[in-house]
Protein backbone atom coordinates (compact mmCIF):
# COMPACT_ATOMS: atom_id res chain seq x y z
CA MET A 1 87.41 95.76 112.73
CA LEU A 2 89.09 99.11 113.03
CA THR A 3 90.96 99.94 116.19
CA GLY A 4 89.90 103.09 118.02
CA ASN A 5 92.85 105.10 116.73
CA LEU A 6 91.71 104.51 113.13
CA VAL A 7 88.02 105.41 113.53
CA ARG A 8 87.06 108.82 112.15
CA ILE A 9 84.31 110.56 114.11
CA LYS A 10 82.68 113.91 114.64
CA THR A 11 80.76 115.15 117.64
CA THR A 12 77.39 116.84 117.23
CA SER A 13 76.33 119.93 119.15
CA LYS A 14 74.30 117.59 121.39
CA GLY A 15 77.40 115.56 122.23
CA ARG A 16 76.59 112.58 120.02
CA VAL A 17 79.52 110.78 118.44
CA VAL A 18 78.94 110.06 114.75
CA PRO A 19 81.27 108.00 112.53
CA ILE A 20 82.60 109.59 109.35
CA TYR A 21 82.26 107.18 106.44
CA LEU A 22 84.01 107.18 103.08
CA ARG A 23 81.79 107.52 100.02
CA ARG A 24 81.69 104.26 98.05
CA ASP A 25 81.51 106.06 94.73
CA ASP A 26 84.34 108.55 95.36
CA PRO A 27 86.89 108.00 92.56
CA TYR A 28 89.79 108.95 94.84
CA TRP A 29 88.94 106.35 97.49
CA LEU A 30 88.22 103.72 94.85
CA GLU A 31 91.71 104.30 93.45
CA VAL A 32 93.29 104.14 96.92
CA ALA A 33 91.41 100.91 97.66
CA GLU A 34 92.54 99.37 94.35
CA SER A 35 96.16 100.34 95.05
CA LEU A 36 96.01 98.78 98.51
CA LEU A 37 94.36 95.64 97.14
CA LEU A 38 97.17 95.35 94.61
CA ILE A 39 99.79 95.49 97.38
CA PHE A 40 98.12 92.59 99.18
CA ARG A 41 97.48 90.58 96.01
CA GLU A 42 101.11 90.92 94.94
CA GLY A 43 102.30 90.38 98.50
CA VAL A 44 102.20 86.59 98.36
CA GLY A 45 105.61 85.40 99.54
CA MET A 46 106.46 88.76 101.10
CA THR A 47 106.92 89.34 104.82
CA ARG A 48 104.35 91.30 106.77
CA GLY A 49 106.99 94.02 107.24
CA GLU A 50 107.57 94.27 103.50
CA ILE A 51 103.83 94.67 102.91
CA GLU A 52 103.61 97.32 105.64
CA ALA A 53 106.56 99.18 104.07
CA GLU A 54 104.77 99.25 100.71
CA ILE A 55 101.62 100.57 102.38
CA VAL A 56 103.59 103.36 104.08
CA GLU A 57 105.26 104.15 100.76
CA LEU A 58 101.84 104.43 99.13
CA VAL A 59 99.90 106.35 101.78
CA GLY A 60 102.53 107.85 104.07
CA GLU A 61 102.18 108.27 107.81
CA GLY A 62 100.48 110.74 110.12
CA LEU A 63 96.98 111.96 110.89
CA ALA A 64 96.30 112.94 107.28
CA THR A 65 96.47 109.26 106.32
CA LEU A 66 93.95 108.02 108.88
CA ALA A 67 91.37 106.81 106.35
CA HIS A 68 94.12 105.27 104.19
CA ARG A 69 95.48 103.33 107.16
CA GLY A 70 91.94 102.28 108.05
CA LEU A 71 91.45 100.78 104.60
CA ALA A 72 94.81 99.01 104.90
CA LYS A 73 93.80 97.65 108.33
CA VAL A 74 90.59 96.18 106.91
CA LEU A 75 92.61 94.39 104.22
CA GLU A 76 95.24 93.23 106.72
CA ASP A 77 92.52 91.74 108.93
CA ARG A 78 91.28 89.70 105.97
CA ALA A 79 94.75 88.60 104.86
CA GLU A 80 96.31 85.31 105.90
CA PHE A 81 99.91 85.42 107.07
CA GLU A 82 102.01 82.32 107.51
CA VAL A 83 104.94 81.94 109.87
CA VAL A 84 107.90 80.32 108.16
CA ALA A 85 110.17 78.92 110.87
CA ASP A 86 112.13 75.78 111.62
CA VAL A 87 110.29 75.46 114.93
CA PRO A 88 106.61 76.43 115.32
CA PRO A 89 106.16 79.61 117.41
CA GLU A 90 103.87 77.74 119.82
CA THR A 91 106.66 75.27 120.61
CA VAL A 92 109.18 78.06 121.21
CA ARG A 93 106.70 79.89 123.48
CA ASP A 94 106.00 76.71 125.48
CA LYS A 95 109.72 76.04 125.98
CA VAL A 96 110.43 79.62 127.06
CA PHE A 97 107.60 79.61 129.61
CA MET A 98 108.61 76.20 130.96
CA ALA A 99 112.25 77.31 131.30
CA ALA A 100 111.19 80.54 133.04
CA ALA A 101 108.99 78.62 135.49
CA GLU A 102 111.82 76.18 136.25
CA HIS A 103 114.26 79.06 136.76
CA ARG A 104 111.82 80.76 139.13
CA ARG A 105 111.34 77.54 141.13
CA ALA A 106 115.13 77.15 141.42
CA LEU A 107 115.51 80.71 142.68
CA LEU A 108 112.78 80.21 145.27
CA ALA A 109 114.32 76.90 146.39
CA ALA A 110 117.67 78.67 146.85
CA GLY A 111 116.01 81.23 149.12
CA HIS A 112 115.79 84.13 146.70
CA ARG A 113 112.59 85.97 147.49
CA ALA A 114 112.88 88.88 145.08
CA PRO A 115 109.54 90.09 143.75
CA PHE A 116 108.58 89.00 140.29
CA ARG A 117 109.52 91.58 137.66
CA ARG A 118 108.67 91.62 133.99
């Protein structure tokens, strides 16, 4: 699903919001879609950042690339990314939260009453 910043709309004279769709048979958009598909197909083994860099290289950045980035977002949502790490991210997250909770309890036990800050 597209995020709000990637949705193209127009407003009618009656105040209705209407989405702006790409034409399925437009040769330009078909070529853009094929190029983006190729990036994802050849992206096996690449990092998410490397794939994003290739997308930016292909379509650029800025408001003029809104539809391009929307197409890339649709493909990204359908892609499967794998985290390659010695320790699973869930385990790291659990340990960090447990350590933070223990640290907070120790501060409270020592009489520190400072407000919680992020």
